[in-house]
Amino acid sequence: HPSFSPDEKLAAYTSDVSGHPQVYVVEL
């Protein structure tokens, strides 16, 4: 589940589909 920045302009979420955890940051 994504974690949103306080101003809700960025969302960060983790994914381990590649075998090791990675953090992705997406601009909304």
N, C-alpha and C. Protein backbone atom coordinates (compact mmCIF):
# COMPACT_ATOMS: atom_id res chain seq x y z
N HIS A 1 0.85 -1.19 0.00
CA HIS A 1 0.00 0.00 0.00
C HIS A 1 0.89 1.24 0.00
N PRO A 2 0.54 2.22 -0.79
CA PRO A 2 1.40 3.40 -0.90
C PRO A 2 1.39 4.24 0.37
N SER A 3 2.48 4.95 0.57
CA SER A 3 2.56 5.94 1.64
C SER A 3 2.64 7.30 0.97
N PHE A 4 1.78 8.22 1.39
CA PHE A 4 1.72 9.52 0.75
C PHE A 4 2.50 10.55 1.55
N SER A 5 3.10 11.48 0.83
CA SER A 5 3.79 12.58 1.49
C SER A 5 2.75 13.51 2.10
N PRO A 6 3.16 14.35 3.05
CA PRO A 6 2.18 15.22 3.73
C PRO A 6 1.37 16.09 2.76
N ASP A 7 1.98 16.54 1.66
CA ASP A 7 1.23 17.37 0.72
C ASP A 7 0.53 16.53 -0.35
N GLU A 8 0.65 15.21 -0.24
CA GLU A 8 -0.03 14.27 -1.14
C GLU A 8 0.37 14.46 -2.60
N LYS A 9 1.59 14.98 -2.83
CA LYS A 9 2.07 15.13 -4.21
C LYS A 9 2.95 13.95 -4.61
N LEU A 10 3.39 13.18 -3.63
CA LEU A 10 4.22 12.02 -3.90
C LEU A 10 3.64 10.81 -3.20
N ALA A 11 3.81 9.67 -3.84
CA ALA A 11 3.42 8.41 -3.21
C ALA A 11 4.61 7.47 -3.30
N ALA A 12 4.94 6.83 -2.19
CA ALA A 12 6.04 5.88 -2.17
C ALA A 12 5.50 4.51 -1.81
N TYR A 13 5.99 3.50 -2.53
CA TYR A 13 5.57 2.15 -2.20
C TYR A 13 6.71 1.19 -2.49
N THR A 14 6.69 0.05 -1.83
CA THR A 14 7.74 -0.94 -1.99
C THR A 14 7.24 -2.09 -2.85
N SER A 15 8.17 -2.70 -3.56
CA SER A 15 7.84 -3.85 -4.39
C SER A 15 9.02 -4.81 -4.33
N ASP A 16 8.72 -6.10 -4.16
CA ASP A 16 9.80 -7.09 -4.13
C ASP A 16 9.65 -8.09 -5.26
N VAL A 17 9.02 -7.65 -6.36
CA VAL A 17 8.78 -8.57 -7.47
C VAL A 17 10.09 -9.01 -8.11
N SER A 18 11.15 -8.21 -7.97
CA SER A 18 12.43 -8.55 -8.59
C SER A 18 13.28 -9.42 -7.68
N GLY A 19 12.74 -9.80 -6.50
CA GLY A 19 13.46 -10.67 -5.60
C GLY A 19 14.08 -9.95 -4.43
N HIS A 20 14.19 -8.62 -4.52
CA HIS A 20 14.68 -7.84 -3.39
C HIS A 20 13.86 -6.56 -3.32
N PRO A 21 13.60 -6.08 -2.10
CA PRO A 21 12.72 -4.92 -1.95
C PRO A 21 13.27 -3.69 -2.66
N GLN A 22 12.40 -2.98 -3.33
CA GLN A 22 12.74 -1.72 -3.95
C GLN A 22 11.66 -0.71 -3.61
N VAL A 23 12.06 0.54 -3.47
CA VAL A 23 11.11 1.59 -3.15
C VAL A 23 10.91 2.44 -4.40
N TYR A 24 9.67 2.64 -4.75
CA TYR A 24 9.32 3.47 -5.90
C TYR A 24 8.62 4.72 -5.40
N VAL A 25 8.96 5.85 -6.00
CA VAL A 25 8.30 7.11 -5.67
C VAL A 25 7.61 7.61 -6.93
N VAL A 26 6.34 7.92 -6.81
CA VAL A 26 5.53 8.33 -7.96
C VAL A 26 4.96 9.72 -7.69
N GLU A 27 5.08 10.60 -8.67
CA GLU A 27 4.45 11.92 -8.54
C GLU A 27 2.99 11.81 -8.90
N LEU A 28 2.15 12.44 -8.10
CA LEU A 28 0.71 12.38 -8.34
C LEU A 28 0.23 13.60 -9.10
